[in-house]
Every structure is written in structure tokens, then in C-alpha cells.
Protein backbone atom coordinates (compact mmCIF):
# COMPACT_ATOMS: atom_id res chain seq x y z
CA MET A 1 89.53 58.95 106.29
CA ASN A 2 86.94 59.92 108.88
CA SER A 3 84.03 62.28 108.30
CA LEU A 4 82.26 64.88 110.41
CA LEU A 5 79.18 62.73 109.88
CA GLN A 6 80.68 60.28 112.31
CA ILE A 7 80.73 62.51 115.38
CA ALA A 8 77.04 62.12 116.27
CA PRO A 9 76.99 58.34 115.87
CA THR A 10 80.13 58.15 118.07
CA LEU A 11 78.43 60.25 120.78
CA ALA A 12 75.26 58.13 120.46
CA GLU A 13 77.17 54.94 121.05
CA TYR A 14 79.06 56.60 123.98
CA PHE A 15 75.80 57.58 125.68
CA ASN A 16 74.01 54.39 124.64
CA VAL A 17 71.21 56.00 122.71
CA ARG A 18 69.87 55.35 119.22
CA LEU A 19 70.63 57.70 116.36
CA SER A 20 69.69 57.01 112.78
CA SER A 21 72.69 57.73 110.52
CA PRO A 22 74.49 55.86 107.66
CA ALA A 23 77.79 56.82 109.32
CA HIS A 24 79.59 54.60 111.81
CA PRO A 25 81.20 55.54 115.12
CA VAL A 26 84.92 56.36 115.01
CA GLU A 27 86.83 53.32 116.09
CA GLN A 28 89.82 55.27 117.41
CA ILE A 29 87.54 57.26 119.72
CA ARG A 30 85.92 54.03 120.89
CA LYS A 31 89.31 52.73 121.94
CA PHE A 32 90.39 56.04 123.46
CA VAL A 33 87.25 56.15 125.73
CA ARG A 34 87.45 52.49 126.67
CA ALA A 35 91.03 52.98 127.89
CA ARG A 36 89.86 55.67 130.39
CA TYR A 37 88.75 54.99 133.94
CA PRO A 38 86.63 56.37 135.28
CA ILE A 39 84.61 56.92 132.13
CA PRO A 40 84.34 60.67 131.44
CA SER A 41 81.23 62.10 133.08
CA VAL A 42 80.60 64.89 130.56
CA VAL A 43 81.46 65.65 126.95
CA LEU A 44 82.17 69.03 125.48
CA LEU A 45 81.81 69.14 121.74
CA LEU A 46 83.52 72.31 120.62
CA VAL A 47 83.27 73.51 117.02
CA VAL A 48 85.91 76.01 116.05
CA ASP A 49 84.62 77.84 112.89
CA SER A 50 86.96 77.63 109.89
CA LEU A 51 89.64 75.58 111.75
CA ASP A 52 90.83 73.43 108.85
CA ASN A 53 93.86 71.20 108.63
CA PRO A 54 96.20 73.71 106.84
CA LEU A 55 95.34 76.38 109.43
CA TYR A 56 95.83 73.90 112.28
CA SER A 57 99.30 73.13 110.96
CA ASP A 58 100.43 76.55 109.73
CA PHE A 59 99.49 78.29 113.02
CA ALA A 60 100.84 75.58 115.27
CA ASP A 61 102.77 78.08 117.39
CA ASP A 62 99.64 80.18 117.97
CA LEU A 63 97.55 77.11 118.70
CA ARG A 64 100.12 75.67 121.12
CA GLY A 65 97.56 74.76 123.73
CA VAL A 66 95.45 72.86 121.23
CA HIS A 67 98.48 70.92 119.94
CA GLU A 68 99.39 70.07 123.51
CA LEU A 69 96.00 68.44 124.04
CA VAL A 70 97.02 66.04 121.22
CA GLU A 71 100.57 65.54 122.49
CA GLN A 72 99.41 64.75 126.01
CA GLU A 73 97.82 61.36 125.16
CA GLY A 74 95.14 62.86 122.87
CA LEU A 75 94.00 61.94 119.39
CA LEU A 76 94.20 63.91 116.12
CA LEU A 77 92.02 62.70 113.34
CA GLU A 78 91.54 64.08 109.85
CA CYS A 79 87.91 64.51 108.81
CA GLU A 80 86.24 65.22 105.53
CA THR A 81 83.86 68.15 105.56
CA VAL A 82 80.27 68.08 104.41
CA SER A 83 79.67 71.73 103.55
CA ASN A 84 81.45 75.07 102.92
CA HIS A 85 79.00 76.80 105.26
CA THR A 86 78.63 76.70 108.99
CA THR A 87 74.92 76.04 109.59
CA PRO A 88 74.59 72.92 107.44
CA ALA A 89 77.94 71.69 108.67
CA ILE A 90 76.91 71.94 112.30
CA GLY A 91 73.57 70.31 111.33
CA SER A 92 75.53 67.32 110.10
CA ILE A 93 77.88 67.23 113.04
CA LEU A 94 74.88 67.00 115.41
CA THR A 95 72.76 64.61 113.34
CA GLY A 96 75.16 62.37 111.48
CA LEU A 97 73.36 63.20 108.18
CA GLU A 98 74.32 65.00 105.03
CA PRO A 99 72.84 68.54 104.65
CA GLU A 100 70.34 67.36 102.03
CA ALA A 101 69.04 64.78 104.55
CA HIS A 102 68.72 66.97 107.67
CA GLY A 103 67.59 70.04 105.73
CA ILE A 104 69.22 72.60 108.01
CA PHE A 105 70.70 75.30 105.82
CA THR A 106 69.81 78.48 107.81
CA ASP A 107 68.94 79.26 111.38
CA ASN A 108 65.24 79.21 110.58
CA ASP A 109 65.53 75.60 109.39
CA VAL A 110 66.71 74.51 112.92
CA GLY A 111 63.20 74.95 114.23
CA LYS A 112 61.52 73.44 111.22
CA SER A 113 63.66 70.31 110.73
CA LYS A 114 62.01 67.12 111.88
CA ILE A 115 65.42 65.48 112.35
CA LYS A 116 66.47 65.41 116.01
CA SER A 117 70.04 66.28 116.95
CA ILE A 118 72.07 64.21 119.29
CA LEU A 119 71.36 66.77 122.02
CA GLU A 120 67.66 66.31 121.60
CA ILE A 121 67.91 62.50 121.49
CA LEU A 122 69.88 62.49 124.76
CA GLU A 123 67.21 64.73 126.30
CA ASP A 124 64.54 62.18 125.32
CA ALA A 125 66.63 59.53 127.07
CA GLY A 126 66.69 61.58 130.27
CA LYS A 127 70.25 62.93 129.88
CA LYS A 128 70.53 66.73 130.13
CA THR A 129 72.37 68.64 127.36
CA ALA A 130 73.35 72.23 126.64
CA MET A 131 74.09 74.43 123.65
CA VAL A 132 76.10 77.67 123.60
CA ILE A 133 75.79 79.40 120.24
CA GLU A 134 74.74 82.53 118.39
CA THR A 135 71.20 83.72 119.13
CA GLY A 136 69.74 82.79 115.78
CA GLY A 137 70.74 79.21 116.07
CA ALA A 138 69.93 78.95 119.79
CA LYS A 139 66.35 80.23 119.90
CA PRO A 140 64.72 77.27 118.10
CA LEU A 141 66.21 74.88 120.71
CA ILE A 142 64.77 76.65 123.76
CA ASP A 143 62.40 74.23 125.54
CA ARG A 144 63.85 71.38 123.46
CA ILE A 145 67.01 70.87 125.48
CA SER A 146 67.76 71.68 129.18
CA TYR A 147 70.25 74.53 128.79
CA VAL A 148 70.36 77.04 125.93
CA PHE A 149 72.80 79.96 126.06
CA ALA A 150 72.29 82.49 123.25
CA VAL A 151 74.94 85.14 122.38
CA ASP A 152 74.02 88.03 120.15
CA ASP A 153 76.28 88.43 117.12
CA ARG A 154 78.40 91.60 117.28
CA GLU A 155 81.23 93.43 115.58
CA ASP A 156 83.69 92.55 118.25
CA ILE A 157 84.05 88.86 117.57
CA ILE A 158 86.70 88.48 120.33
CA GLU A 159 84.11 89.76 122.83
CA TYR A 160 81.61 87.36 121.33
CA ASP A 161 83.88 84.35 121.76
CA GLU A 162 84.61 85.47 125.34
CA LEU A 163 80.91 85.26 126.15
CA ILE A 164 80.66 81.87 124.46
CA LYS A 165 83.54 80.63 126.60
CA ALA A 166 82.07 82.08 129.82
CA HIS A 167 78.63 80.48 129.25
CA THR A 168 80.27 77.17 128.33
CA ILE A 169 82.34 77.09 131.52
CA ALA A 170 79.28 77.96 133.57
CA VAL A 171 77.13 75.17 132.18
CA LEU A 172 80.00 72.60 132.52
CA GLN A 173 79.77 73.32 136.22
CA LYS A 174 76.28 71.93 136.29
CA ARG A 175 76.70 68.32 137.43
CA ASP A 176 73.57 67.11 135.73
CA VAL A 177 74.64 68.07 132.22
CA LYS A 178 76.07 65.22 130.12
CA LEU A 179 76.76 66.88 126.65
CA VAL A 180 77.59 70.47 125.87
CA PHE A 181 77.85 71.89 122.36
CA SER A 182 79.78 75.16 121.91
CA HIS A 183 80.88 77.17 118.89
CA LEU A 184 83.84 79.68 118.66
CA ARG A 185 83.95 82.00 115.69
CA ALA A 186 86.92 84.39 115.81
CA ILE A 187 89.05 82.49 113.26
CA ASP A 188 86.21 82.49 110.76
CA ARG A 189 85.52 86.22 111.12
CA PHE A 190 89.22 87.12 110.77
CA ALA A 191 89.55 84.82 107.71
CA HIS A 192 86.56 86.49 105.94
CA ARG A 193 87.84 89.96 106.59
CA GLY A 194 91.49 89.29 105.75
CA LEU A 195 92.62 90.16 109.22
CA ASP A 196 95.72 88.76 111.03
CA LEU A 197 94.84 85.11 111.65
CA ARG A 198 97.61 84.78 114.21
CA VAL A 199 95.62 87.05 116.48
CA ALA A 200 92.49 85.00 116.11
CA ALA A 201 94.41 81.77 116.59
CA LYS A 202 96.02 82.94 119.80
CA VAL A 203 92.67 84.17 121.21
CA THR A 204 91.08 80.90 120.28
CA ASP A 205 93.89 78.91 121.83
CA GLY A 206 93.51 80.89 125.12
CA ASN A 207 89.79 80.23 125.19
CA ILE A 208 90.25 76.56 124.46
CA LYS A 209 92.83 76.23 127.33
CA GLU A 210 90.21 77.64 129.77
CA LEU A 211 87.56 75.35 128.39
CA ALA A 212 89.90 72.35 128.71
CA ASN A 213 90.48 73.30 132.35
CA ALA A 214 86.68 73.29 132.94
CA VAL A 215 86.36 69.83 131.25
CA ARG A 216 89.21 68.59 133.44
CA GLU A 217 87.39 69.69 136.56
CA ARG A 218 84.55 67.43 135.58
CA ASP A 219 86.82 64.53 134.53
CA GLY A 220 85.28 64.95 131.13
CA LEU A 221 85.97 64.29 127.41
CA LEU A 222 86.74 67.16 125.04
CA LEU A 223 86.15 66.95 121.31
CA ILE A 224 87.34 69.83 119.12
CA CYS A 225 86.63 70.05 115.45
CA GLY A 226 86.50 72.48 112.57
CA ASP A 227 83.33 72.76 110.56
CA HIS A 228 84.53 73.61 107.08
CA GLU A 229 87.69 74.85 105.26
CA ALA A 230 88.75 78.41 105.98
CA HIS A 231 87.57 81.04 103.54
CA ILE A 232 90.99 82.28 102.63
CA LYS A 233 91.67 83.65 99.11
CA ALA A 234 95.39 82.79 98.92
CA GLY A 235 96.24 79.20 98.39
CA LYS A 236 94.16 76.03 97.84
CA ARG A 237 92.63 74.48 101.03
CA ALA A 238 92.71 70.77 101.75
CA GLY A 239 89.00 70.46 102.34
CA THR A 240 89.54 68.56 105.62
CA VAL A 241 89.31 69.62 109.22
CA PRO A 242 90.97 68.27 112.41
CA LEU A 243 89.04 66.37 115.04
CA ILE A 244 90.93 66.45 118.39
CA VAL A 245 89.98 64.08 121.17
CA SER A 246 91.25 64.70 124.75
CA CYS A 247 90.69 63.99 128.37
CA PRO A 248 92.52 67.12 129.54
């Protein structure tokens, strides 16, 4: 089984930069990219908070667009998680290291950690990157990568994700950007509050369709993954998340 720790090493190999991680690039993604011509000009790494494998399967009708990305010559991989919480999980996705190694457990740790993310490593290599995320996680990266879009947290999580989507599409239109990281949260908020997950799944699916269109306009590569298992009281979760790879 693959691990979320392999995403950063896979991106490092794709962009031909060096990243220190005990994890290896994902071979299936290697083959997938090598089979494409021209080589995708930009990569969008989209984390969908709390999108685990049971939710991906159980809400297939509401996530129809996401499933179609797989069905249309995409890849679907099962990945082990590294944490039950978002911030350390994203830290691992972007560094290829376990939380204990990168030390990023809260937003404040982002600015204190001496470990560079794949975004910062690419910047050091002269390749521009972007992050679209909640304000607390975004602020420490200002002046460390080329484009940082911060969205304030709010009660209306659907409005929040709408802003995340809009900023992500805007930065994808910048021809100099090579890697964009973005984070959608509606499913996680609905799961925590016991709200109707079908609503969150449908909204998320609609946002992903628009993001996929923006990636398509750049002839890019789209990676979608969950960060941890959904915090749902009923039923035991699998502890794995999907990693979807697509050239829309």
C-alpha cells in the first residue's frame, strides 16, 4: 500500500529537485506521467479534508465528478494516513516526513519548523509555487513562496471553500506557477458537526470539477487526496485515504 509520505518525493522527482525523505516516489504515478505528452506544465495538489476511502465509496453518486476523473484514464491509489489531524497530515504530505520528524502540529509550527516543504524546495530551485489555505497556515509562508492566498476561517464553510476554489483558479492562470497546493474543508466541517455529508460531498464535487477545468486549461496534472479518516462517530473507518491522479 502507498502512503501520504510518498507524495512529496514523487513531486520532487517530477520537478527534478532534491528532497530528503525515507519514502520513495509512487511508481504508478511515475508511469502515468511518463505516458503523457506533452509533460504537464503545472501540478495542482488538492487536499480534501476528511476524504477517506469509505466516504469516497459510500458517496460515489455525490462525488460523481471525482470518480469520473479516475474513470477517464486516471489513477486511484489507496494511501495510509500518518495522523488523525489536519495540520500534521498536511505537513507530512508536503515534506515526506512523519509528524515527529517535521514537527508541524499547529499553525504556529509552520513558521518555526526548519524542514522545508516541497513548495519551498521548488522555490529555491527557481520554480514558482503557490498555496491556498486558511489564514493561520498561510501567514508563515508569506515571503517564502511566490504566491500565498489566505482565507479567513468562518462559520459558512461552503463560502470558505468557494473562496479557496476562486483563489486556486486565479493562481492556476499564472503561467509561471509550477505547483499549487490547495485545501478544501467542507466535508470535514460537516462530519464534525453531524450534518448531511451528501450536501458537503456534492459541493466539494462541484468545486473539484471547476478546479479540474482550470488544470485542463494549463495542460496540467491534478492530484487529489484526503488527509485523514473522517471523524464520524458511526462505524469504524478504514484509516486509509484515496489518492487520485488525473490529467483532466
